[in-house]
PDB file of N, CA and C in Angstrom:
ATOM      1  N   MET A   1     -47.631 -28.969   7.962  1.00  0.00           N
ATOM      2  CA  MET A   1     -47.440 -30.086   7.175  1.00  0.00           C
ATOM      3  C   MET A   1     -46.850 -31.142   8.298  1.00  0.00           C
ATOM      4  N   THR A   2     -45.393 -31.033   7.227  1.00  0.00           N
ATOM      5  CA  THR A   2     -44.104 -31.614   7.514  1.00  0.00           C
ATOM      6  C   THR A   2     -43.614 -31.366   9.190  1.00  0.00           C
ATOM      7  N   ASP A   3     -44.187 -30.104   9.226  1.00  0.00           N
ATOM      8  CA  ASP A   3     -43.443 -29.165  10.988  1.00  0.00           C
ATOM      9  C   ASP A   3     -43.772 -30.367  12.360  1.00  0.00           C
ATOM     10  N   ARG A   4     -44.905 -30.738  11.626  1.00  0.00           N
ATOM     11  CA  ARG A   4     -45.872 -31.343  12.803  1.00  0.00           C
ATOM     12  C   ARG A   4     -45.519 -32.999  12.911  1.00  0.00           C
ATOM     13  N   PHE A   5     -45.161 -33.296  11.730  1.00  0.00           N
ATOM     14  CA  PHE A   5     -44.378 -34.994  11.399  1.00  0.00           C
ATOM     15  C   PHE A   5     -42.750 -34.211  12.334  1.00  0.00           C
ATOM     16  N   ALA A   6     -42.373 -33.436  11.744  1.00  0.00           N
ATOM     17  CA  ALA A   6     -40.724 -33.583  11.881  1.00  0.00           C
ATOM     18  C   ALA A   6     -40.557 -33.411  13.110  1.00  0.00           C
ATOM     19  N   GLY A   7     -41.357 -32.950  14.076  1.00  0.00           N
ATOM     20  CA  GLY A   7     -41.880 -32.470  15.815  1.00  0.00           C
ATOM     21  C   GLY A   7     -42.002 -34.255  16.266  1.00  0.00           C
ATOM     22  N   VAL A   8     -42.950 -34.891  15.967  1.00  0.00           N
ATOM     23  CA  VAL A   8     -43.387 -36.449  16.405  1.00  0.00           C
ATOM     24  C   VAL A   8     -42.138 -36.957  16.140  1.00  0.00           C
ATOM     25  N   PHE A   9     -41.142 -36.752  15.071  1.00  0.00           N
ATOM     26  CA  PHE A   9     -40.292 -37.416  15.091  1.00  0.00           C
ATOM     27  C   PHE A   9     -38.951 -36.854  15.877  1.00  0.00           C
ATOM     28  N   PHE A  10     -38.877 -36.158  16.203  1.00  0.00           N
ATOM     29  CA  PHE A  10     -37.806 -35.473  17.219  1.00  0.00           C
ATOM     30  C   PHE A  10     -38.308 -35.596  18.696  1.00  0.00           C
ATOM     31  N   ILE A  11     -39.346 -36.062  18.686  1.00  0.00           N
ATOM     32  CA  ILE A  11     -39.863 -36.836  20.190  1.00  0.00           C
ATOM     33  C   ILE A  11     -40.098 -37.633  20.356  1.00  0.00           C
ATOM     34  N   ALA A  12     -39.958 -38.760  19.383  1.00  0.00           N
ATOM     35  CA  ALA A  12     -40.256 -39.939  19.408  1.00  0.00           C
ATOM     36  C   ALA A  12     -38.881 -40.830  19.281  1.00  0.00           C
ATOM     37  N   SER A  13     -37.762 -40.174  18.797  1.00  0.00           N
ATOM     38  CA  SER A  13     -36.380 -40.497  18.408  1.00  0.00           C
ATOM     39  C   SER A  13     -36.102 -40.946  19.934  1.00  0.00           C
ATOM     40  N   PRO A  14     -35.954 -40.710  21.163  1.00  0.00           N
ATOM     41  CA  PRO A  14     -35.167 -41.177  21.730  1.00  0.00           C
ATOM     42  C   PRO A  14     -35.832 -42.714  22.257  1.00  0.00           C
ATOM     43  N   ILE A  15     -37.431 -42.090  22.465  1.00  0.00           N
ATOM     44  CA  ILE A  15     -37.802 -43.151  22.935  1.00  0.00           C
ATOM     45  C   ILE A  15     -37.674 -45.021  22.200  1.00  0.00           C
ATOM     46  N   LEU A  16     -37.939 -44.773  21.199  1.00  0.00           N
ATOM     47  CA  LEU A  16     -37.412 -45.306  19.987  1.00  0.00           C
ATOM     48  C   LEU A  16     -36.178 -46.154  19.755  1.00  0.00           C
ATOM     49  N   GLY A  17     -35.474 -44.847  19.664  1.00  0.00           N
ATOM     50  CA  GLY A  17     -34.186 -44.906  19.822  1.00  0.00           C
ATOM     51  C   GLY A  17     -33.566 -46.443  20.932  1.00  0.00           C
ATOM     52  N   GLY A  18     -34.244 -46.264  21.825  1.00  0.00           N
ATOM     53  CA  GLY A  18     -33.909 -46.579  23.061  1.00  0.00           C
ATOM     54  C   GLY A  18     -34.459 -48.554  23.112  1.00  0.00           C
ATOM     55  N   LEU A  19     -35.662 -48.312  22.614  1.00  0.00           N
ATOM     56  CA  LEU A  19     -36.209 -49.371  22.536  1.00  0.00           C
ATOM     57  C   LEU A  19     -35.744 -49.935  21.027  1.00  0.00           C
ATOM     58  N   ALA A  20     -35.502 -50.073  20.098  1.00  0.00           N
ATOM     59  CA  ALA A  20     -34.734 -50.220  19.400  1.00  0.00           C
ATOM     60  C   ALA A  20     -33.105 -50.776  20.143  1.00  0.00           C
ATOM     61  N   ARG A  21     -32.607 -50.173  20.755  1.00  0.00           N
ATOM     62  CA  ARG A  21     -31.178 -50.575  21.052  1.00  0.00           C
ATOM     63  C   ARG A  21     -30.469 -50.374  20.091  1.00  0.00           C
ATOM     64  N   THR A  22     -30.441 -49.453  19.322  1.00  0.00           N
ATOM     65  CA  THR A  22     -29.312 -49.091  18.678  1.00  0.00           C
ATOM     66  C   THR A  22     -29.200 -47.490  18.342  1.00  0.00           C
ATOM     67  N   PRO A  23     -27.731 -46.799  18.179  1.00  0.00           N
ATOM     68  CA  PRO A  23     -27.954 -45.723  17.634  1.00  0.00           C
ATOM     69  C   PRO A  23     -28.347 -45.215  16.780  1.00  0.00           C
ATOM     70  N   LEU A  24     -28.153 -46.112  15.533  1.00  0.00           N
ATOM     71  CA  LEU A  24     -28.188 -46.227  13.946  1.00  0.00           C
ATOM     72  C   LEU A  24     -29.787 -45.709  14.033  1.00  0.00           C
ATOM     73  N   ALA A  25     -31.149 -46.428  15.026  1.00  0.00           N
ATOM     74  CA  ALA A  25     -32.676 -45.949  14.878  1.00  0.00           C
ATOM     75  C   ALA A  25     -32.956 -44.400  15.170  1.00  0.00           C
ATOM     76  N   PHE A  26     -32.042 -43.810  16.402  1.00  0.00           N
ATOM     77  CA  PHE A  26     -32.385 -42.682  16.655  1.00  0.00           C
ATOM     78  C   PHE A  26     -32.103 -41.987  15.791  1.00  0.00           C
ATOM     79  N   PHE A  27     -30.801 -42.052  15.030  1.00  0.00           N
ATOM     80  CA  PHE A  27     -30.287 -41.054  14.451  1.00  0.00           C
ATOM     81  C   PHE A  27     -30.850 -41.217  13.199  1.00  0.00           C
ATOM     82  N   GLY A  28     -31.562 -42.305  12.669  1.00  0.00           N
ATOM     83  CA  GLY A  28     -31.733 -42.084  11.527  1.00  0.00           C
ATOM     84  C   GLY A  28     -33.442 -41.124  11.418  1.00  0.00           C
ATOM     85  N   LEU A  29     -34.040 -41.683  12.970  1.00  0.00           N
ATOM     86  CA  LEU A  29     -35.275 -40.360  13.238  1.00  0.00           C
ATOM     87  C   LEU A  29     -35.322 -39.342  13.277  1.00  0.00           C
ATOM     88  N   ILE A  30     -33.727 -38.978  13.505  1.00  0.00           N
ATOM     89  CA  ILE A  30     -33.446 -37.212  13.686  1.00  0.00           C
ATOM     90  C   ILE A  30     -33.480 -37.134  11.953  1.00  0.00           C
ATOM     91  N   GLY A  31     -32.453 -37.693  11.699  1.00  0.00           N
ATOM     92  CA  GLY A  31     -32.629 -37.698  10.093  1.00  0.00           C
ATOM     93  C   GLY A  31     -33.782 -37.170   9.489  1.00  0.00           C
ATOM     94  N   LEU A  32     -34.259 -38.238   9.289  1.00  0.00           N
ATOM     95  CA  LEU A  32     -35.658 -38.420   9.066  1.00  0.00           C
ATOM     96  C   LEU A  32     -36.383 -36.736   9.418  1.00  0.00           C
ATOM     97  N   GLY A  33     -36.643 -36.964  10.708  1.00  0.00           N
ATOM     98  CA  GLY A  33     -37.544 -35.643  11.363  1.00  0.00           C
ATOM     99  C   GLY A  33     -36.391 -34.374  10.298  1.00  0.00           C
ATOM    100  N   ILE A  34     -35.404 -34.327  10.467  1.00  0.00           N
ATOM    101  CA  ILE A  34     -34.834 -33.424   9.416  1.00  0.00           C
ATOM    102  C   ILE A  34     -34.885 -33.057   8.106  1.00  0.00           C
ATOM    103  N   ALA A  35     -34.874 -34.104   7.732  1.00  0.00           N
ATOM    104  CA  ALA A  35     -35.188 -34.135   5.920  1.00  0.00           C
ATOM    105  C   ALA A  35     -36.684 -33.310   5.763  1.00  0.00           C
ATOM    106  N   LEU A  36     -38.048 -33.875   6.718  1.00  0.00           N
ATOM    107  CA  LEU A  36     -39.398 -33.147   6.538  1.00  0.00           C
ATOM    108  C   LEU A  36     -39.000 -31.601   7.042  1.00  0.00           C
ATOM    109  N   LEU A  37     -38.191 -31.468   7.800  1.00  0.00           N
ATOM    110  CA  LEU A  37     -38.076 -29.786   7.843  1.00  0.00           C
ATOM    111  C   LEU A  37     -37.454 -29.307   6.587  1.00  0.00           C
ATOM    112  N   ALA A  38     -36.636 -29.581   6.003  1.00  0.00           N
ATOM    113  CA  ALA A  38     -35.914 -29.603   4.819  1.00  0.00           C
ATOM    114  C   ALA A  38     -37.200 -29.777   3.618  1.00  0.00           C
ATOM    115  N   VAL A  39     -38.165 -30.192   3.787  1.00  0.00           N
ATOM    116  CA  VAL A  39     -38.847 -30.169   2.302  1.00  0.00           C
ATOM    117  C   VAL A  39     -39.952 -29.004   2.195  1.00  0.00           C
ATOM    118  N   ARG A  40     -40.364 -28.437   4.097  1.00  0.00           N
ATOM    119  CA  ARG A  40     -40.779 -27.399   4.021  1.00  0.00           C
ATOM    120  C   ARG A  40     -40.254 -26.091   3.465  1.00  0.00           C
ATOM    121  N   VAL A  41     -39.037 -26.026   3.639  1.00  0.00           N
ATOM    122  CA  VAL A  41     -38.081 -24.818   3.760  1.00  0.00           C
ATOM    123  C   VAL A  41     -37.906 -25.141   1.823  1.00  0.00           C
ATOM    124  N   ILE A  42     -38.015 -26.191   1.007  1.00  0.00           N
ATOM    125  CA  ILE A  42     -37.810 -26.224  -0.104  1.00  0.00           C
ATOM    126  C   ILE A  42     -39.035 -25.836  -0.830  1.00  0.00           C
ATOM    127  N   VAL A  43     -40.510 -26.089  -0.227  1.00  0.00           N
ATOM    128  CA  VAL A  43     -41.307 -25.879  -0.808  1.00  0.00           C
ATOM    129  C   VAL A  43     -42.022 -24.500  -0.426  1.00  0.00           C
ATOM    130  N   ASP A  44     -41.260 -24.037   0.459  1.00  0.00           N
ATOM    131  CA  ASP A  44     -41.787 -22.117   1.006  1.00  0.00           C
ATOM    132  C   ASP A  44     -40.363 -21.698  -0.203  1.00  0.00           C
ATOM    133  N   LEU A  45     -39.323 -21.887  -0.451  1.00  0.00           N
ATOM    134  CA  LEU A  45     -38.749 -21.402  -1.118  1.00  0.00           C
ATOM    135  C   LEU A  45     -39.132 -21.595  -2.650  1.00  0.00           C
ATOM    136  N   VAL A  46     -39.936 -22.618  -3.087  1.00  0.00           N
ATOM    137  CA  VAL A  46     -40.371 -22.636  -4.281  1.00  0.00           C
ATOM    138  C   VAL A  46     -41.753 -21.723  -4.452  1.00  0.00           C
ATOM    139  N   THR A  47     -42.853 -22.009  -4.172  1.00  0.00           N
ATOM    140  CA  THR A  47     -43.613 -21.297  -3.581  1.00  0.00           C
ATOM    141  C   THR A  47     -43.722 -19.655  -4.046  1.00  0.00           C
ATOM    142  N   LEU A  48     -41.937 -18.992  -3.525  1.00  0.00           N
ATOM    143  CA  LEU A  48     -41.905 -17.958  -3.329  1.00  0.00           C
ATOM    144  C   LEU A  48     -42.399 -16.970  -4.602  1.00  0.00           C
ATOM    145  N   PRO A  49     -41.086 -17.670  -5.451  1.00  0.00           N
ATOM    146  CA  PRO A  49     -41.543 -16.951  -6.504  1.00  0.00           C
ATOM    147  C   PRO A  49     -42.713 -16.738  -7.687  1.00  0.00           C
ATOM    148  N   VAL A  50     -43.485 -18.156  -7.800  1.00  0.00           N
ATOM    149  CA  VAL A  50     -45.099 -18.124  -7.555  1.00  0.00           C
ATOM    150  C   VAL A  50     -45.734 -17.454  -7.653  1.00  0.00           C
ATOM    151  N   GLU A  51     -45.489 -17.094  -5.803  1.00  0.00           N
ATOM    152  CA  GLU A  51     -46.700 -15.870  -5.557  1.00  0.00           C
ATOM    153  C   GLU A  51     -46.526 -14.361  -5.803  1.00  0.00           C
ATOM    154  N   THR A  52     -44.815 -14.437  -6.384  1.00  0.00           N
ATOM    155  CA  THR A  52     -44.476 -13.063  -6.394  1.00  0.00           C
ATOM    156  C   THR A  52     -45.086 -13.038  -8.069  1.00  0.00           C
ATOM    157  N   ASP A  53     -44.854 -14.118  -9.098  1.00  0.00           N
ATOM    158  CA  ASP A  53     -44.920 -13.739 -10.525  1.00  0.00           C
ATOM    159  C   ASP A  53     -46.673 -13.712 -10.639  1.00  0.00           C
ATOM    160  N   ALA A  54     -47.681 -14.349  -9.599  1.00  0.00           N
ATOM    161  CA  ALA A  54     -49.235 -14.313  -9.652  1.00  0.00           C
ATOM    162  C   ALA A  54     -49.347 -12.915  -9.564  1.00  0.00           C
ATOM    163  N   SER A  55     -48.681 -11.977  -8.538  1.00  0.00           N
ATOM    164  CA  SER A  55     -48.914 -11.081  -7.642  1.00  0.00           C
ATOM    165  C   SER A  55     -48.685  -9.977  -8.814  1.00  0.00           C
ATOM    166  N   PHE A  56     -47.691  -9.682  -9.311  1.00  0.00           N
ATOM    167  CA  PHE A  56     -47.135  -8.675 -10.081  1.00  0.00           C
ATOM    168  C   PHE A  56     -47.097  -8.827 -11.482  1.00  0.00           C
ATOM    169  N   THR A  57     -47.020 -10.204 -11.981  1.00  0.00           N
ATOM    170  CA  THR A  57     -47.419 -10.437 -13.455  1.00  0.00           C
ATOM    171  C   THR A  57     -48.281 -10.443 -14.309  1.00  0.00           C
ATOM    172  N   LYS A  58     -49.054 -11.346 -13.101  1.00  0.00           N
ATOM    173  CA  LYS A  58     -50.512 -11.298 -13.535  1.00  0.00           C
ATOM    174  C   LYS A  58     -52.086 -10.457 -13.125  1.00  0.00           C
ATOM    175  N   ALA A  59     -51.578 -10.592 -11.788  1.00  0.00           N
ATOM    176  CA  ALA A  59     -52.966  -9.618 -11.498  1.00  0.00           C
ATOM    177  C   ALA A  59     -53.156  -8.342 -11.141  1.00  0.00           C
ATOM    178  N   LEU A  60     -51.842  -7.663 -11.392  1.00  0.00           N
ATOM    179  CA  LEU A  60     -51.216  -6.226 -11.205  1.00  0.00           C
ATOM    180  C   LEU A  60     -51.934  -5.493 -12.529  1.00  0.00           C
ATOM    181  N   PRO A  61     -51.477  -6.527 -13.416  1.00  0.00           N
ATOM    182  CA  PRO A  61     -51.767  -5.851 -15.303  1.00  0.00           C
ATOM    183  C   PRO A  61     -53.024  -6.024 -15.687  1.00  0.00           C
ATOM    184  N   ILE A  62     -53.745  -7.464 -14.696  1.00  0.00           N
ATOM    185  CA  ILE A  62     -55.258  -7.547 -14.952  1.00  0.00           C
ATOM    186  C   ILE A  62     -56.287  -6.207 -14.222  1.00  0.00           C
ATOM    187  N   LEU A  63     -55.974  -5.887 -12.510  1.00  0.00           N
ATOM    188  CA  LEU A  63     -56.122  -5.106 -12.104  1.00  0.00           C
ATOM    189  C   LEU A  63     -56.323  -3.800 -13.007  1.00  0.00           C
ATOM    190  N   GLU A  64     -55.150  -3.389 -13.532  1.00  0.00           N
ATOM    191  CA  GLU A  64     -54.635  -2.249 -14.624  1.00  0.00           C
ATOM    192  C   GLU A  64     -55.028  -2.361 -16.150  1.00  0.00           C
ATOM    193  N   SER A  65     -55.442  -2.908 -16.464  1.00  0.00           N
ATOM    194  CA  SER A  65     -55.988  -2.791 -18.090  1.00  0.00           C
ATOM    195  C   SER A  65     -57.271  -3.380 -18.132  1.00  0.00           C
ATOM    196  N   GLY A  66     -58.082  -4.077 -16.966  1.00  0.00           N
ATOM    197  CA  GLY A  66     -59.731  -4.056 -16.660  1.00  0.00           C
ATOM    198  C   GLY A  66     -59.963  -2.942 -16.654  1.00  0.00           C
ATOM    199  N   GLY A  67     -59.695  -2.572 -15.722  1.00  0.00           N
ATOM    200  CA  GLY A  67     -60.715  -1.081 -15.456  1.00  0.00           C
ATOM    201  C   GLY A  67     -61.290  -1.609 -13.958  1.00  0.00           C
ATOM    202  N   TYR A  68     -61.003  -2.842 -13.279  1.00  0.00           N
ATOM    203  CA  TYR A  68     -60.849  -2.825 -11.560  1.00  0.00           C
ATOM    204  C   TYR A  68     -60.733  -2.343 -10.852  1.00  0.00           C
ATOM    205  N   VAL A  69     -60.133  -1.752 -10.554  1.00  0.00           N
ATOM    206  CA  VAL A  69     -59.592  -0.468  -9.897  1.00  0.00           C
ATOM    207  C   VAL A  69     -59.343   1.097 -10.128  1.00  0.00           C
ATOM    208  N   ASP A  70     -59.604   1.795  -9.643  1.00  0.00           N
ATOM    209  CA  ASP A  70     -59.039   3.408 -10.258  1.00  0.00           C
ATOM    210  C   ASP A  70     -57.689   3.637  -9.528  1.00  0.00           C
ATOM    211  N   ALA A  71     -57.235   4.017 -11.309  1.00  0.00           N
ATOM    212  CA  ALA A  71     -55.578   4.648 -10.476  1.00  0.00           C
ATOM    213  C   ALA A  71     -55.419   5.211  -9.582  1.00  0.00           C
ATOM    214  N   VAL A  72     -56.503   5.949  -8.846  1.00  0.00           N
ATOM    215  CA  VAL A  72     -56.415   6.576  -7.739  1.00  0.00           C
ATOM    216  C   VAL A  72     -56.209   5.291  -6.244  1.00  0.00           C
ATOM    217  N   ASP A  73     -56.214   4.077  -6.630  1.00  0.00           N
ATOM    218  CA  ASP A  73     -56.223   2.888  -5.566  1.00  0.00           C
ATOM    219  C   ASP A  73     -55.076   2.371  -5.847  1.00  0.00           C
ATOM    220  N   MET A  74     -54.541   2.791  -6.666  1.00  0.00           N
ATOM    221  CA  MET A  74     -53.637   1.437  -7.498  1.00  0.00           C
ATOM    222  C   MET A  74     -51.972   1.581  -6.420  1.00  0.00           C
ATOM    223  N   PRO A  75     -52.035   2.522  -5.656  1.00  0.00           N
ATOM    224  CA  PRO A  75     -50.538   2.470  -4.620  1.00  0.00           C
ATOM    225  C   PRO A  75     -51.095   1.565  -3.992  1.00  0.00           C
ATOM    226  N   ALA A  76     -52.116   1.619  -3.308  1.00  0.00           N
ATOM    227  CA  ALA A  76     -52.488   0.587  -2.793  1.00  0.00           C
ATOM    228  C   ALA A  76     -52.679  -0.542  -2.749  1.00  0.00           C
ATOM    229  N   VAL A  77     -52.950  -0.877  -4.088  1.00  0.00           N
ATOM    230  CA  VAL A  77     -53.607  -2.292  -4.741  1.00  0.00           C
ATOM    231  C   VAL A  77     -52.042  -2.609  -4.505  1.00  0.00           C
ATOM    232  N   ARG A  78     -51.014  -2.372  -5.251  1.00  0.00           N
ATOM    233  CA  ARG A  78     -49.754  -2.102  -5.107  1.00  0.00           C
ATOM    234  C   ARG A  78     -49.123  -2.871  -3.931  1.00  0.00           C
ATOM    235  N   SER A  79     -49.274  -2.479  -2.715  1.00  0.00           N
ATOM    236  CA  SER A  79     -49.251  -2.668  -1.537  1.00  0.00           C
ATOM    237  C   SER A  79     -49.725  -3.743  -1.098  1.00  0.00           C
ATOM    238  N   VAL A  80     -51.238  -3.991  -1.075  1.00  0.00           N
ATOM    239  CA  VAL A  80     -51.636  -5.512  -0.640  1.00  0.00           C
ATOM    240  C   VAL A  80     -50.659  -6.236  -1.393  1.00  0.00           C
ATOM    241  N   LEU A  81     -50.353  -6.045  -2.694  1.00  0.00           N
ATOM    242  CA  LEU A  81     -50.061  -7.494  -2.998  1.00  0.00           C
ATOM    243  C   LEU A  81     -48.519  -7.716  -2.913  1.00  0.00           C
ATOM    244  N   ARG A  82     -47.613  -6.542  -2.610  1.00  0.00           N
ATOM    245  CA  ARG A  82     -46.421  -6.178  -2.463  1.00  0.00           C
ATOM    246  C   ARG A  82     -46.461  -7.262  -0.618  1.00  0.00           C
ATOM    247  N   ALA A  83     -47.398  -7.072  -0.083  1.00  0.00           N
ATOM    248  CA  ALA A  83     -48.088  -7.447   1.818  1.00  0.00           C
ATOM    249  C   ALA A  83     -47.716  -9.133   1.153  1.00  0.00           C
ATOM    250  N   ALA A  84     -48.569  -9.453   0.450  1.00  0.00           N
ATOM    251  CA  ALA A  84     -49.250 -10.569  -0.026  1.00  0.00           C
ATOM    252  C   ALA A  84     -47.858 -11.621  -0.145  1.00  0.00           C
ATOM    253  N   ALA A  85     -46.599 -11.030  -1.016  1.00  0.00           N
ATOM    254  CA  ALA A  85     -45.436 -11.672  -1.174  1.00  0.00           C
ATOM    255  C   ALA A  85     -45.005 -11.658   0.205  1.00  0.00           C
ATOM    256  N   PHE A  86     -45.115 -10.687   0.837  1.00  0.00           N
ATOM    257  CA  PHE A  86     -44.025 -10.920   1.792  1.00  0.00           C
ATOM    258  C   PHE A  86     -44.036 -11.928   2.890  1.00  0.00           C
ATOM    259  N   THR A  87     -45.694 -11.997   3.062  1.00  0.00           N
ATOM    260  CA  THR A  87     -46.048 -13.017   3.742  1.00  0.00           C
ATOM    261  C   THR A  87     -45.123 -14.229   3.668  1.00  0.00           C
ATOM    262  N   TYR A  88     -44.971 -14.736   1.752  1.00  0.00           N
ATOM    263  CA  TYR A  88     -44.691 -15.947   1.826  1.00  0.00           C
ATOM    264  C   TYR A  88     -43.036 -15.785   1.925  1.00  0.00           C
ATOM    265  N   LEU A  89     -42.680 -14.187   1.910  1.00  0.00           N
ATOM    266  CA  LEU A  89     -40.932 -14.830   2.221  1.00  0.00           C
ATOM    267  C   LEU A  89     -40.694 -14.753   3.854  1.00  0.00           C
ATOM    268  N   ALA A  90     -41.900 -14.060   4.417  1.00  0.00           N
ATOM    269  CA  ALA A  90     -41.254 -14.119   5.863  1.00  0.00           C
ATOM    270  C   ALA A  90     -42.075 -15.964   6.116  1.00  0.00           C
ATOM    271  N   GLY A  91     -42.884 -16.912   5.918  1.00  0.00           N
ATOM    272  CA  GLY A  91     -42.862 -18.468   6.150  1.00  0.00           C
ATOM    273  C   GLY A  91     -41.381 -18.729   5.867  1.00  0.00           C
ATOM    274  N   ALA A  92     -40.866 -18.809   4.621  1.00  0.00           N
ATOM    275  CA  ALA A  92     -39.875 -19.294   3.817  1.00  0.00           C
ATOM    276  C   ALA A  92     -39.058 -19.142   5.113  1.00  0.00           C
ATOM    277  N   LEU A  93     -38.236 -17.636   5.711  1.00  0.00           N
ATOM    278  CA  LEU A  93     -37.651 -17.120   6.886  1.00  0.00           C
ATOM    279  C   LEU A  93     -37.888 -17.992   7.852  1.00  0.00           C
ATOM    280  N   ILE A  94     -39.086 -18.121   8.460  1.00  0.00           N
ATOM    281  CA  ILE A  94     -39.430 -18.970   9.530  1.00  0.00           C
ATOM    282  C   ILE A  94     -38.999 -20.131   9.644  1.00  0.00           C
ATOM    283  N   SER A  95     -39.352 -21.069   8.462  1.00  0.00           N
ATOM    284  CA  SER A  95     -39.164 -22.297   8.282  1.00  0.00           C
ATOM    285  C   SER A  95     -37.399 -22.800   8.164  1.00  0.00           C
ATOM    286  N   LEU A  96     -36.742 -21.530   7.279  1.00  0.00           N
ATOM    287  CA  LEU A  96     -35.438 -22.175   7.660  1.00  0.00           C
ATOM    288  C   LEU A  96     -34.375 -21.624   8.764  1.00  0.00           C
ATOM    289  N   VAL A  97     -35.245 -20.819   9.858  1.00  0.00           N
ATOM    290  CA  VAL A  97     -34.657 -20.391  10.903  1.00  0.00           C
ATOM    291  C   VAL A  97     -35.183 -21.822  11.830  1.00  0.00           C
ATOM    292  N   ASN A  98     -36.247 -22.219  11.927  1.00  0.00           N
ATOM    293  CA  ASN A  98     -36.742 -23.465  12.306  1.00  0.00           C
ATOM    294  C   ASN A  98     -35.914 -24.940  12.423  1.00  0.00           C
ATOM    295  N   LEU A  99     -35.501 -24.808  11.081  1.00  0.00           N
ATOM    296  CA  LEU A  99     -34.485 -25.824  10.735  1.00  0.00           C
ATOM    297  C   LEU A  99     -33.351 -25.681  10.881  1.00  0.00           C
ATOM    298  N   ALA A 100     -33.207 -24.478  10.856  1.00  0.00           N
ATOM    299  CA  ALA A 100     -31.726 -24.364  11.974  1.00  0.00           C
ATOM    300  C   ALA A 100     -31.109 -24.207  13.140  1.00  0.00           C
ATOM    301  N   ARG A 101     -32.369 -24.319  13.719  1.00  0.00           N
ATOM    302  CA  ARG A 101     -32.713 -23.798  15.797  1.00  0.00           C
ATOM    303  C   ARG A 101     -32.554 -25.665  15.418  1.00  0.00           C
ATOM    304  N   TRP A 102     -33.685 -26.170  14.979  1.00  0.00           N
ATOM    305  CA  TRP A 102     -33.470 -27.487  15.411  1.00  0.00           C
ATOM    306  C   TRP A 102     -32.335 -28.280  14.892  1.00  0.00           C
ATOM    307  N   ILE A 103     -31.219 -28.097  13.979  1.00  0.00           N
ATOM    308  CA  ILE A 103     -29.874 -28.375  13.635  1.00  0.00           C
ATOM    309  C   ILE A 103     -29.328 -28.081  14.633  1.00  0.00           C
ATOM    310  N   ARG A 104     -29.117 -26.911  14.984  1.00  0.00           N
ATOM    311  CA  ARG A 104     -28.111 -26.647  16.343  1.00  0.00           C
ATOM    312  C   ARG A 104     -28.906 -27.285  17.497  1.00  0.00           C
ATOM    313  N   LEU A 105     -30.249 -28.038  17.670  1.00  0.00           N
ATOM    314  CA  LEU A 105     -30.665 -28.002  18.965  1.00  0.00           C
ATOM    315  C   LEU A 105     -29.767 -29.724  19.063  1.00  0.00           C
ATOM    316  N   LEU A 106     -29.406 -30.047  17.658  1.00  0.00           N
ATOM    317  CA  LEU A 106     -29.494 -31.805  17.793  1.00  0.00           C
ATOM    318  C   LEU A 106     -28.113 -31.987  17.501  1.00  0.00           C
ATOM    319  N   ARG A 107     -27.360 -30.837  17.218  1.00  0.00           N
ATOM    320  CA  ARG A 107     -26.114 -30.422  17.283  1.00  0.00           C
ATOM    321  C   ARG A 107     -25.239 -31.663  18.621  1.00  0.00           C
TER     322      ARG A 107
END
């Protein structure tokens, strides 16, 4: 969600900066866009350990001890939980790359 708002700030900053006739408005909007992208990176980095904890510390022992999954299927369950954690890792990396890309473009 913040990525979309950041894109709007990046697109609107030259127009609004030109209308305001001051470079401060332009750079302020660019800074706000970068800050919104940084918020996304921070949220993703905070969510990553929470997801890992939920999958491996909480869900896996419940599935093992509760008898919800046969012992034969436990490797597959671990694989699915690991894949779920990797989706959050991929999201965090994409957010970080997107932030770096915008900073590089705006330099």
